[in-house]
Amino acid sequence: MTSRRDNAEQYGSLSPKYQGYLGNILIDKVLKPAAGETILDLGCGTGNLTQRLAEIVGPDGAVIGVDPHRHRIEEARKAYEQATTRNLSFGEGTVETVLRDRGPASFDAIFCNVVLHWIPIENLDESLRCTRDLLKPGGRLVFCVLLDDDSDDAFFRTVGRTVFGSTKSFGEAIGGNWETSE
C-alpha cells in the first residue's frame, strides 16, 4: 500500500513530465507573466511551475502556490526552501481558503494547470466564484483541464456562466473570444 507521502513524491517526479509540459506552454503562450505581478498557482502540487513563475515575476512580484494535499505542499516547501527567489510561498488549502485569508482582488493572475477537472461539478460554481473574486480588476485566469466528451459541455457552461457571466461555447473559449455581449 502506498502512503500519501509516497504519492506526493511520485507526483513530484511525474508532474514535470506531464503537467510540466502543458504548464510551461500555458505560462509562455497564454499567461505571459510580467515582472512585479502577484500570481496564485492554484493546485500547485509540488511547486515546479510555481518556482518558475516566481523567477519570472522577480523580486518585486510574488507567487503563492496552494494545494489541498499537505504532503505535496511539504514536498514543495522542502524543494524550494533554499531557492534564490524570496517571493515564493506555499500553503495547504483551496481557493476558498485563499479568498478567506487574502480577501478579494488580491492577484493579477491565477494559474491553474490540470486542476479544475478534479473539482466535482456540483462544487465548481463556488470554486469559480472564489477564483473570480480573487482577481484584481483586469486580472487573468489561465487554466488547462483534462475532460472527456461527457463532461466538456457542463464544465465549460459552468465556467462561462460563473466566471464570465456568459454561456459562451467551448469553441469560442478555445478561440480566445471571451467578450460577453449578454
N, C-alpha and C. Protein backbone atom coordinates (compact mmCIF):
# COMPACT_ATOMS: atom_id res chain seq x y z
N MET A 1 0.84 -1.18 0.00
CA MET A 1 0.00 0.00 0.00
C MET A 1 0.89 1.25 0.00
N THR A 2 0.56 2.21 -0.82
CA THR A 2 1.37 3.43 -0.90
C THR A 2 0.83 4.48 0.07
N SER A 3 1.75 5.15 0.74
CA SER A 3 1.34 6.21 1.66
C SER A 3 1.12 7.50 0.88
N ARG A 4 0.46 8.45 1.54
CA ARG A 4 0.24 9.76 0.90
C ARG A 4 1.58 10.44 0.61
N ARG A 5 2.56 10.24 1.49
CA ARG A 5 3.88 10.84 1.26
C ARG A 5 4.50 10.25 -0.01
N ASP A 6 4.41 8.92 -0.16
CA ASP A 6 4.94 8.30 -1.37
C ASP A 6 4.23 8.84 -2.60
N ASN A 7 2.92 9.02 -2.51
CA ASN A 7 2.17 9.57 -3.63
C ASN A 7 2.64 10.98 -3.95
N ALA A 8 2.92 11.79 -2.94
CA ALA A 8 3.41 13.15 -3.18
C ALA A 8 4.76 13.13 -3.86
N GLU A 9 5.63 12.22 -3.42
CA GLU A 9 6.94 12.11 -4.05
C GLU A 9 6.82 11.60 -5.48
N GLN A 10 5.93 10.62 -5.71
CA GLN A 10 5.71 10.11 -7.05
C GLN A 10 5.11 11.20 -7.93
N TYR A 11 4.16 11.96 -7.39
CA TYR A 11 3.56 13.07 -8.11
C TYR A 11 4.66 14.06 -8.51
N GLY A 12 5.56 14.34 -7.57
CA GLY A 12 6.64 15.28 -7.85
C GLY A 12 7.56 14.82 -8.96
N SER A 13 7.73 13.51 -9.08
CA SER A 13 8.61 13.00 -10.14
C SER A 13 7.89 12.92 -11.49
N LEU A 14 6.58 12.68 -11.47
CA LEU A 14 5.81 12.58 -12.72
C LEU A 14 5.32 13.94 -13.22
N SER A 15 5.08 14.85 -12.30
CA SER A 15 4.49 16.14 -12.64
C SER A 15 5.26 16.90 -13.71
N PRO A 16 6.59 17.00 -13.63
CA PRO A 16 7.31 17.75 -14.68
C PRO A 16 7.11 17.15 -16.06
N LYS A 17 6.98 15.83 -16.11
CA LYS A 17 6.87 15.15 -17.38
C LYS A 17 5.53 15.45 -18.06
N TYR A 18 4.44 15.40 -17.32
CA TYR A 18 3.11 15.53 -17.93
C TYR A 18 2.54 16.93 -17.72
N GLN A 19 2.34 17.30 -16.48
CA GLN A 19 1.76 18.61 -16.20
C GLN A 19 2.74 19.73 -16.52
N GLY A 20 4.02 19.46 -16.36
CA GLY A 20 5.03 20.47 -16.66
C GLY A 20 5.01 20.89 -18.11
N TYR A 21 4.85 19.93 -18.99
CA TYR A 21 4.82 20.23 -20.42
C TYR A 21 3.67 21.18 -20.74
N LEU A 22 2.45 20.82 -20.31
CA LEU A 22 1.28 21.68 -20.55
C LEU A 22 1.42 23.01 -19.83
N GLY A 23 1.88 22.96 -18.60
CA GLY A 23 2.00 24.18 -17.80
C GLY A 23 2.98 25.18 -18.38
N ASN A 24 4.09 24.70 -18.88
CA ASN A 24 5.07 25.62 -19.47
C ASN A 24 4.52 26.28 -20.74
N ILE A 25 3.74 25.55 -21.51
CA ILE A 25 3.09 26.15 -22.67
C ILE A 25 2.12 27.24 -22.22
N LEU A 26 1.32 26.93 -21.20
CA LEU A 26 0.38 27.94 -20.69
C LEU A 26 1.10 29.18 -20.18
N ILE A 27 2.17 28.98 -19.45
CA ILE A 27 2.93 30.12 -18.92
C ILE A 27 3.47 30.98 -20.05
N ASP A 28 4.11 30.35 -21.02
CA ASP A 28 4.78 31.10 -22.09
C ASP A 28 3.83 31.70 -23.11
N LYS A 29 2.79 30.97 -23.48
CA LYS A 29 1.94 31.38 -24.60
C LYS A 29 0.64 32.07 -24.18
N VAL A 30 0.17 31.80 -22.95
CA VAL A 30 -1.13 32.33 -22.56
C VAL A 30 -1.02 33.28 -21.36
N LEU A 31 -0.45 32.82 -20.27
CA LEU A 31 -0.35 33.65 -19.07
C LEU A 31 0.58 34.84 -19.28
N LYS A 32 1.73 34.59 -19.85
CA LYS A 32 2.74 35.63 -20.11
C LYS A 32 2.93 36.53 -18.88
N PRO A 33 3.39 35.94 -17.77
CA PRO A 33 3.56 36.72 -16.54
C PRO A 33 4.59 37.84 -16.73
N ALA A 34 4.37 38.92 -16.00
CA ALA A 34 5.26 40.08 -16.10
C ALA A 34 5.91 40.35 -14.75
N ALA A 35 7.04 41.00 -14.80
CA ALA A 35 7.75 41.40 -13.58
C ALA A 35 6.81 42.21 -12.69
N GLY A 36 6.86 41.92 -11.40
CA GLY A 36 6.09 42.68 -10.43
C GLY A 36 4.68 42.17 -10.18
N GLU A 37 4.24 41.18 -10.93
CA GLU A 37 2.87 40.68 -10.74
C GLU A 37 2.77 39.79 -9.51
N THR A 38 1.55 39.70 -8.99
CA THR A 38 1.22 38.78 -7.91
C THR A 38 0.35 37.68 -8.52
N ILE A 39 0.83 36.43 -8.42
CA ILE A 39 0.18 35.30 -9.09
C ILE A 39 -0.12 34.20 -8.07
N LEU A 40 -1.32 33.64 -8.19
CA LEU A 40 -1.70 32.46 -7.40
C LEU A 40 -1.59 31.25 -8.31
N ASP A 41 -0.83 30.24 -7.88
CA ASP A 41 -0.77 28.96 -8.57
C ASP A 41 -1.70 28.03 -7.80
N LEU A 42 -2.90 27.89 -8.31
CA LEU A 42 -3.95 27.12 -7.65
C LEU A 42 -3.83 25.65 -8.03
N GLY A 43 -3.61 24.81 -7.02
CA GLY A 43 -3.35 23.40 -7.28
C GLY A 43 -1.91 23.21 -7.72
N CYS A 44 -0.99 23.81 -6.97
CA CYS A 44 0.42 23.89 -7.37
C CYS A 44 1.17 22.57 -7.28
N GLY A 45 0.58 21.57 -6.62
CA GLY A 45 1.29 20.30 -6.48
C GLY A 45 2.58 20.48 -5.71
N THR A 46 3.67 19.97 -6.26
CA THR A 46 4.97 20.05 -5.57
C THR A 46 5.77 21.29 -5.98
N GLY A 47 5.16 22.21 -6.71
CA GLY A 47 5.74 23.53 -6.90
C GLY A 47 6.67 23.76 -8.06
N ASN A 48 6.81 22.83 -8.97
CA ASN A 48 7.76 23.03 -10.07
C ASN A 48 7.44 24.28 -10.90
N LEU A 49 6.18 24.42 -11.30
CA LEU A 49 5.80 25.58 -12.11
C LEU A 49 5.70 26.84 -11.26
N THR A 50 5.37 26.68 -10.00
CA THR A 50 5.29 27.82 -9.08
C THR A 50 6.65 28.51 -8.99
N GLN A 51 7.69 27.73 -8.86
CA GLN A 51 9.06 28.26 -8.81
C GLN A 51 9.38 29.03 -10.08
N ARG A 52 9.00 28.49 -11.21
CA ARG A 52 9.27 29.16 -12.48
C ARG A 52 8.54 30.51 -12.54
N LEU A 53 7.29 30.53 -12.10
CA LEU A 53 6.53 31.78 -12.07
C LEU A 53 7.22 32.82 -11.18
N ALA A 54 7.71 32.37 -10.02
CA ALA A 54 8.38 33.29 -9.10
C ALA A 54 9.63 33.90 -9.72
N GLU A 55 10.36 33.10 -10.47
CA GLU A 55 11.55 33.62 -11.15
C GLU A 55 11.17 34.67 -12.19
N ILE A 56 10.06 34.44 -12.90
CA ILE A 56 9.65 35.37 -13.95
C ILE A 56 9.16 36.69 -13.37
N VAL A 57 8.34 36.65 -12.31
CA VAL A 57 7.81 37.91 -11.76
C VAL A 57 8.86 38.69 -10.99
N GLY A 58 9.92 38.02 -10.60
CA GLY A 58 11.06 38.70 -9.98
C GLY A 58 10.81 39.18 -8.56
N PRO A 59 11.78 39.89 -8.02
CA PRO A 59 11.73 40.27 -6.60
C PRO A 59 10.63 41.27 -6.26
N ASP A 60 10.11 41.99 -7.25
CA ASP A 60 9.02 42.92 -6.98
C ASP A 60 7.65 42.27 -7.10
N GLY A 61 7.62 41.02 -7.52
CA GLY A 61 6.37 40.27 -7.62
C GLY A 61 6.29 39.23 -6.52
N ALA A 62 5.21 38.48 -6.54
CA ALA A 62 5.03 37.41 -5.55
C ALA A 62 4.21 36.29 -6.18
N VAL A 63 4.53 35.06 -5.79
CA VAL A 63 3.78 33.91 -6.25
C VAL A 63 3.45 33.05 -5.03
N ILE A 64 2.19 32.69 -4.93
CA ILE A 64 1.74 31.81 -3.86
C ILE A 64 1.22 30.53 -4.49
N GLY A 65 1.76 29.41 -4.05
CA GLY A 65 1.29 28.11 -4.50
C GLY A 65 0.41 27.49 -3.44
N VAL A 66 -0.77 27.04 -3.84
CA VAL A 66 -1.73 26.44 -2.91
C VAL A 66 -2.16 25.09 -3.46
N ASP A 67 -2.24 24.12 -2.56
CA ASP A 67 -2.70 22.79 -2.93
C ASP A 67 -3.40 22.19 -1.72
N PRO A 68 -4.49 21.44 -1.92
CA PRO A 68 -5.18 20.87 -0.76
C PRO A 68 -4.48 19.66 -0.14
N HIS A 69 -3.44 19.17 -0.79
CA HIS A 69 -2.74 17.98 -0.29
C HIS A 69 -1.49 18.38 0.50
N ARG A 70 -1.56 18.16 1.80
CA ARG A 70 -0.49 18.57 2.71
C ARG A 70 0.87 18.03 2.29
N HIS A 71 0.94 16.79 1.87
CA HIS A 71 2.24 16.18 1.53
C HIS A 71 2.84 16.81 0.28
N ARG A 72 2.03 17.22 -0.65
CA ARG A 72 2.56 17.92 -1.84
C ARG A 72 3.15 19.27 -1.43
N ILE A 73 2.45 19.97 -0.54
CA ILE A 73 2.96 21.26 -0.06
C ILE A 73 4.26 21.05 0.72
N GLU A 74 4.34 20.01 1.52
CA GLU A 74 5.59 19.72 2.25
C GLU A 74 6.73 19.48 1.27
N GLU A 75 6.46 18.72 0.21
CA GLU A 75 7.49 18.48 -0.81
C GLU A 75 7.91 19.79 -1.48
N ALA A 76 6.95 20.64 -1.79
CA ALA A 76 7.26 21.92 -2.42
C ALA A 76 8.12 22.78 -1.50
N ARG A 77 7.72 22.89 -0.26
CA ARG A 77 8.49 23.70 0.70
C ARG A 77 9.92 23.18 0.84
N LYS A 78 10.04 21.86 0.93
CA LYS A 78 11.37 21.25 1.08
C LYS A 78 12.22 21.52 -0.16
N ALA A 79 11.64 21.37 -1.32
CA ALA A 79 12.38 21.55 -2.56
C ALA A 79 12.83 22.99 -2.77
N TYR A 80 12.04 23.94 -2.32
CA TYR A 80 12.32 25.34 -2.64
C TYR A 80 12.71 26.19 -1.44
N GLU A 81 12.97 25.56 -0.30
CA GLU A 81 13.37 26.35 0.87
C GLU A 81 14.70 27.05 0.67
N GLN A 82 15.55 26.50 -0.18
CA GLN A 82 16.84 27.12 -0.48
C GLN A 82 16.81 27.92 -1.78
N ALA A 83 15.63 28.13 -2.31
CA ALA A 83 15.51 28.84 -3.59
C ALA A 83 16.06 30.25 -3.47
N THR A 84 16.61 30.72 -4.56
CA THR A 84 17.17 32.08 -4.55
C THR A 84 16.06 33.13 -4.58
N THR A 85 14.88 32.75 -5.02
CA THR A 85 13.77 33.70 -5.04
C THR A 85 13.08 33.70 -3.68
N ARG A 86 12.87 34.86 -3.14
CA ARG A 86 12.22 35.00 -1.83
C ARG A 86 10.78 35.48 -1.98
N ASN A 87 10.29 35.50 -3.20
CA ASN A 87 8.94 35.95 -3.47
C ASN A 87 7.98 34.78 -3.67
N LEU A 88 8.33 33.65 -3.10
CA LEU A 88 7.61 32.40 -3.32
C LEU A 88 7.18 31.82 -1.98
N SER A 89 5.89 31.47 -1.89
CA SER A 89 5.42 30.80 -0.68
C SER A 89 4.41 29.72 -1.06
N PHE A 90 4.24 28.76 -0.15
CA PHE A 90 3.34 27.64 -0.38
C PHE A 90 2.42 27.50 0.82
N GLY A 91 1.18 27.10 0.55
CA GLY A 91 0.24 26.86 1.63
C GLY A 91 -0.73 25.75 1.29
N GLU A 92 -1.13 25.02 2.31
CA GLU A 92 -2.15 23.99 2.14
C GLU A 92 -3.51 24.66 2.14
N GLY A 93 -4.32 24.34 1.15
CA GLY A 93 -5.66 24.92 1.13
C GLY A 93 -6.32 24.84 -0.22
N THR A 94 -7.39 25.58 -0.35
CA THR A 94 -8.19 25.61 -1.57
C THR A 94 -8.41 27.07 -1.95
N VAL A 95 -9.06 27.29 -3.06
CA VAL A 95 -9.35 28.66 -3.49
C VAL A 95 -10.23 29.35 -2.45
N GLU A 96 -11.10 28.60 -1.82
CA GLU A 96 -11.97 29.19 -0.80
C GLU A 96 -11.16 29.68 0.40
N THR A 97 -10.15 28.91 0.82
CA THR A 97 -9.34 29.35 1.95
C THR A 97 -8.45 30.53 1.57
N VAL A 98 -8.00 30.58 0.34
CA VAL A 98 -7.19 31.73 -0.11
C VAL A 98 -8.04 33.00 -0.08
N LEU A 99 -9.28 32.92 -0.57
CA LEU A 99 -10.16 34.09 -0.55
C LEU A 99 -10.42 34.53 0.88
N ARG A 100 -10.67 33.59 1.77
CA ARG A 100 -10.89 33.91 3.18
C ARG A 100 -9.66 34.59 3.79
N ASP A 101 -8.48 34.06 3.50
CA ASP A 101 -7.25 34.57 4.11
C ASP A 101 -6.72 35.85 3.47
N ARG A 102 -6.86 35.99 2.17
CA ARG A 102 -6.26 37.13 1.45
C ARG A 102 -7.25 38.22 1.10
N GLY A 103 -8.50 37.86 0.94
CA GLY A 103 -9.52 38.82 0.55
C GLY A 103 -9.59 38.98 -0.96
N PRO A 104 -10.65 39.66 -1.42
CA PRO A 104 -10.86 39.82 -2.86
C PRO A 104 -9.80 40.71 -3.51
N ALA A 105 -9.72 40.59 -4.81
CA ALA A 105 -8.83 41.42 -5.64
C ALA A 105 -7.38 41.37 -5.17
N SER A 106 -6.88 40.18 -4.92
CA SER A 106 -5.52 40.01 -4.40
C SER A 106 -4.49 39.64 -5.45
N PHE A 107 -4.92 39.20 -6.64
CA PHE A 107 -3.97 38.65 -7.61
C PHE A 107 -4.15 39.26 -8.99
N ASP A 108 -3.02 39.48 -9.64
CA ASP A 108 -3.03 39.92 -11.04
C ASP A 108 -3.42 38.76 -11.95
N ALA A 109 -3.06 37.55 -11.55
CA ALA A 109 -3.35 36.37 -12.36
C ALA A 109 -3.48 35.15 -11.47
N ILE A 110 -4.30 34.21 -11.94
CA ILE A 110 -4.42 32.91 -11.29
C ILE A 110 -4.12 31.86 -12.35
N PHE A 111 -3.17 31.02 -12.02
CA PHE A 111 -2.70 29.95 -12.89
C PHE A 111 -3.20 28.64 -12.31
N CYS A 112 -3.88 27.85 -13.12
CA CYS A 112 -4.50 26.63 -12.62
C CYS A 112 -4.30 25.54 -13.66
N ASN A 113 -3.24 24.79 -13.53
CA ASN A 113 -2.84 23.82 -14.54
C ASN A 113 -3.28 22.40 -14.17
N VAL A 114 -4.17 21.84 -14.96
CA VAL A 114 -4.63 20.46 -14.81
C VAL A 114 -5.17 20.22 -13.40
N VAL A 115 -6.11 21.09 -12.97
CA VAL A 115 -6.66 21.01 -11.62
C VAL A 115 -8.18 21.07 -11.61
N LEU A 116 -8.78 22.01 -12.32
CA LEU A 116 -10.21 22.28 -12.18
C LEU A 116 -11.08 21.06 -12.45
N HIS A 117 -10.64 20.15 -13.29
CA HIS A 117 -11.45 18.97 -13.58
C HIS A 117 -11.58 18.03 -12.39
N TRP A 118 -10.76 18.23 -11.35
CA TRP A 118 -10.86 17.40 -10.14
C TRP A 118 -11.96 17.90 -9.21
N ILE A 119 -12.43 19.11 -9.42
CA ILE A 119 -13.49 19.67 -8.57
C ILE A 119 -14.83 19.09 -9.03
N PRO A 120 -15.58 18.49 -8.12
CA PRO A 120 -16.89 17.96 -8.52
C PRO A 120 -17.76 19.07 -9.13
N ILE A 121 -18.49 18.75 -10.18
CA ILE A 121 -19.27 19.74 -10.90
C ILE A 121 -20.23 20.48 -9.97
N GLU A 122 -20.74 19.82 -8.94
CA GLU A 122 -21.66 20.49 -8.01
C GLU A 122 -20.95 21.53 -7.13
N ASN A 123 -19.62 21.48 -7.03
CA ASN A 123 -18.85 22.47 -6.26
C ASN A 123 -18.16 23.49 -7.15
N LEU A 124 -18.22 23.30 -8.44
CA LEU A 124 -17.45 24.12 -9.37
C LEU A 124 -17.89 25.58 -9.36
N ASP A 125 -19.20 25.85 -9.30
CA ASP A 125 -19.68 27.23 -9.26
C ASP A 125 -19.02 28.02 -8.13
N GLU A 126 -19.05 27.47 -6.92
CA GLU A 126 -18.49 28.18 -5.76
C GLU A 126 -16.98 28.37 -5.90
N SER A 127 -16.28 27.35 -6.35
CA SER A 127 -14.84 27.47 -6.53
C SER A 127 -14.50 28.53 -7.58
N LEU A 128 -15.26 28.55 -8.66
CA LEU A 128 -15.00 29.55 -9.71
C LEU A 128 -15.37 30.96 -9.25
N ARG A 129 -16.43 31.09 -8.46
CA ARG A 129 -16.78 32.41 -7.91
C ARG A 129 -15.63 32.94 -7.06
N CYS A 130 -15.09 32.07 -6.21
CA CYS A 130 -13.96 32.48 -5.36
C CYS A 130 -12.76 32.86 -6.23
N THR A 131 -12.50 32.08 -7.26
CA THR A 131 -11.38 32.36 -8.17
C THR A 131 -11.58 33.73 -8.81
N ARG A 132 -12.76 33.97 -9.34
CA ARG A 132 -13.06 35.27 -9.96
C ARG A 132 -12.87 36.40 -8.95
N ASP A 133 -13.35 36.21 -7.73
CA ASP A 133 -13.28 37.26 -6.71
C ASP A 133 -11.84 37.57 -6.28
N LEU A 134 -10.95 36.59 -6.41
CA LEU A 134 -9.55 36.82 -6.04
C LEU A 134 -8.79 37.68 -7.05
N LEU A 135 -9.31 37.78 -8.26
CA LEU A 135 -8.62 38.54 -9.30
C LEU A 135 -8.83 40.04 -9.13
N LYS A 136 -7.75 40.78 -9.34
CA LYS A 136 -7.84 42.24 -9.40
C LYS A 136 -8.60 42.61 -10.66
N PRO A 137 -9.17 43.80 -10.73
CA PRO A 137 -9.81 44.22 -11.98
C PRO A 137 -8.84 44.08 -13.15
N GLY A 138 -9.30 43.46 -14.21
CA GLY A 138 -8.43 43.21 -15.36
C GLY A 138 -7.53 42.01 -15.21
N GLY A 139 -7.67 41.28 -14.09
CA GLY A 139 -6.83 40.10 -13.83
C GLY A 139 -7.13 38.98 -14.79
N ARG A 140 -6.22 38.00 -14.81
CA ARG A 140 -6.30 36.90 -15.76
C ARG A 140 -6.41 35.56 -15.04
N LEU A 141 -7.33 34.73 -15.53
CA LEU A 141 -7.43 33.35 -15.09
C LEU A 141 -7.00 32.49 -16.26
N VAL A 142 -5.95 31.68 -16.05
CA VAL A 142 -5.45 30.80 -17.09
C VAL A 142 -5.50 29.38 -16.55
N PHE A 143 -6.19 28.51 -17.28
CA PHE A 143 -6.31 27.14 -16.81
C PHE A 143 -6.26 26.15 -17.96
N CYS A 144 -5.89 24.94 -17.61
CA CYS A 144 -5.89 23.81 -18.53
C CYS A 144 -6.60 22.68 -17.80
N VAL A 145 -7.53 22.04 -18.48
CA VAL A 145 -8.25 20.92 -17.88
C VAL A 145 -8.20 19.71 -18.81
N LEU A 146 -8.34 18.55 -18.22
CA LEU A 146 -8.44 17.31 -18.97
C LEU A 146 -9.86 16.79 -18.77
N LEU A 147 -10.62 16.73 -19.85
CA LEU A 147 -12.01 16.32 -19.76
C LEU A 147 -12.30 15.23 -20.77
N ASP A 148 -13.36 14.50 -20.52
CA ASP A 148 -13.83 13.55 -21.52
C ASP A 148 -15.04 14.18 -22.22
N ASP A 149 -15.49 13.57 -23.27
CA ASP A 149 -16.58 14.14 -24.06
C ASP A 149 -17.84 14.35 -23.25
N ASP A 150 -18.08 13.52 -22.24
CA ASP A 150 -19.30 13.64 -21.45
C ASP A 150 -19.29 14.83 -20.50
N SER A 151 -18.13 15.32 -20.12
CA SER A 151 -18.09 16.41 -19.13
C SER A 151 -17.75 17.77 -19.74
N ASP A 152 -17.32 17.82 -20.99
CA ASP A 152 -16.94 19.09 -21.61
C ASP A 152 -18.02 20.15 -21.51
N ASP A 153 -19.22 19.83 -21.97
CA ASP A 153 -20.28 20.83 -22.03
C ASP A 153 -20.63 21.40 -20.67
N ALA A 154 -20.87 20.55 -19.70
CA ALA A 154 -21.24 21.02 -18.37
C ALA A 154 -20.13 21.86 -17.76
N PHE A 155 -18.91 21.43 -17.92
CA PHE A 155 -17.79 22.17 -17.35
C PHE A 155 -17.69 23.57 -17.95
N PHE A 156 -17.67 23.65 -19.27
CA PHE A 156 -17.48 24.96 -19.90
C PHE A 156 -18.70 25.86 -19.80
N ARG A 157 -19.91 25.29 -19.70
CA ARG A 157 -21.08 26.12 -19.42
C ARG A 157 -20.95 26.73 -18.03
N THR A 158 -20.46 25.94 -17.07
CA THR A 158 -20.27 26.45 -15.71
C THR A 158 -19.20 27.54 -15.68
N VAL A 159 -18.09 27.32 -16.35
CA VAL A 159 -17.03 28.32 -16.40
C VAL A 159 -17.55 29.61 -17.05
N GLY A 160 -18.20 29.49 -18.17
CA GLY A 160 -18.71 30.67 -18.86
C GLY A 160 -19.70 31.44 -18.02
N ARG A 161 -20.65 30.75 -17.41
CA ARG A 161 -21.68 31.39 -16.60
C ARG A 161 -21.10 32.03 -15.34
N THR A 162 -20.24 31.31 -14.64
CA THR A 162 -19.76 31.77 -13.34
C THR A 162 -18.64 32.80 -13.45
N VAL A 163 -17.68 32.55 -14.29
CA VAL A 163 -16.53 33.44 -14.39
C VAL A 163 -16.79 34.62 -15.30
N PHE A 164 -17.43 34.36 -16.43
CA PHE A 164 -17.54 35.39 -17.45
C PHE A 164 -18.95 35.95 -17.60
N GLY A 165 -19.91 35.45 -16.83
CA GLY A 165 -21.27 35.96 -16.91
C GLY A 165 -21.94 35.63 -18.24
N SER A 166 -21.46 34.60 -18.92
CA SER A 166 -21.95 34.25 -20.24
C SER A 166 -21.91 32.75 -20.42
N THR A 167 -22.71 32.25 -21.30
CA THR A 167 -22.68 30.82 -21.60
C THR A 167 -21.98 30.57 -22.92
N LYS A 168 -20.88 31.25 -23.14
CA LYS A 168 -20.10 31.07 -24.37
C LYS A 168 -19.73 29.61 -24.55
N SER A 169 -19.68 29.18 -25.78
CA SER A 169 -19.40 27.77 -26.06
C SER A 169 -17.92 27.44 -25.90
N PHE A 170 -17.66 26.16 -25.80
CA PHE A 170 -16.28 25.67 -25.68
C PHE A 170 -15.43 26.15 -26.85
N GLY A 171 -15.96 26.11 -28.06
CA GLY A 171 -15.21 26.54 -29.24
C GLY A 171 -14.81 28.00 -29.16
N GLU A 172 -15.72 28.86 -28.71
CA GLU A 172 -15.38 30.28 -28.57
C GLU A 172 -14.32 30.47 -27.49
N ALA A 173 -14.44 29.69 -26.41
CA ALA A 173 -13.47 29.80 -25.32
C ALA A 173 -12.08 29.44 -25.81
N ILE A 174 -11.97 28.36 -26.51
CA ILE A 174 -10.67 27.94 -27.02
C ILE A 174 -10.13 28.96 -28.01
N GLY A 175 -11.01 29.58 -28.76
CA GLY A 175 -10.59 30.61 -29.71
C GLY A 175 -10.17 31.90 -29.05
N GLY A 176 -10.41 32.01 -27.76
CA GLY A 176 -9.99 33.19 -27.02
C GLY A 176 -11.01 34.30 -27.02
N ASN A 177 -12.19 34.08 -27.54
CA ASN A 177 -13.21 35.12 -27.58
C ASN A 177 -14.08 35.05 -26.34
N TRP A 178 -13.63 35.71 -25.28
CA TRP A 178 -14.35 35.66 -24.01
C TRP A 178 -15.19 36.92 -23.79
N GLU A 179 -15.26 37.82 -24.75
CA GLU A 179 -16.08 39.02 -24.61
C GLU A 179 -17.53 38.61 -24.49
N THR A 180 -18.23 39.23 -23.55
CA THR A 180 -19.64 38.90 -23.38
C THR A 180 -20.50 40.00 -23.95
N SER A 181 -21.55 39.61 -24.62
CA SER A 181 -22.49 40.59 -25.14
C SER A 181 -23.87 40.35 -24.54
N GLU A 182 -23.97 39.45 -23.59
CA GLU A 182 -25.24 39.11 -22.99
C GLU A 182 -25.54 40.01 -21.82
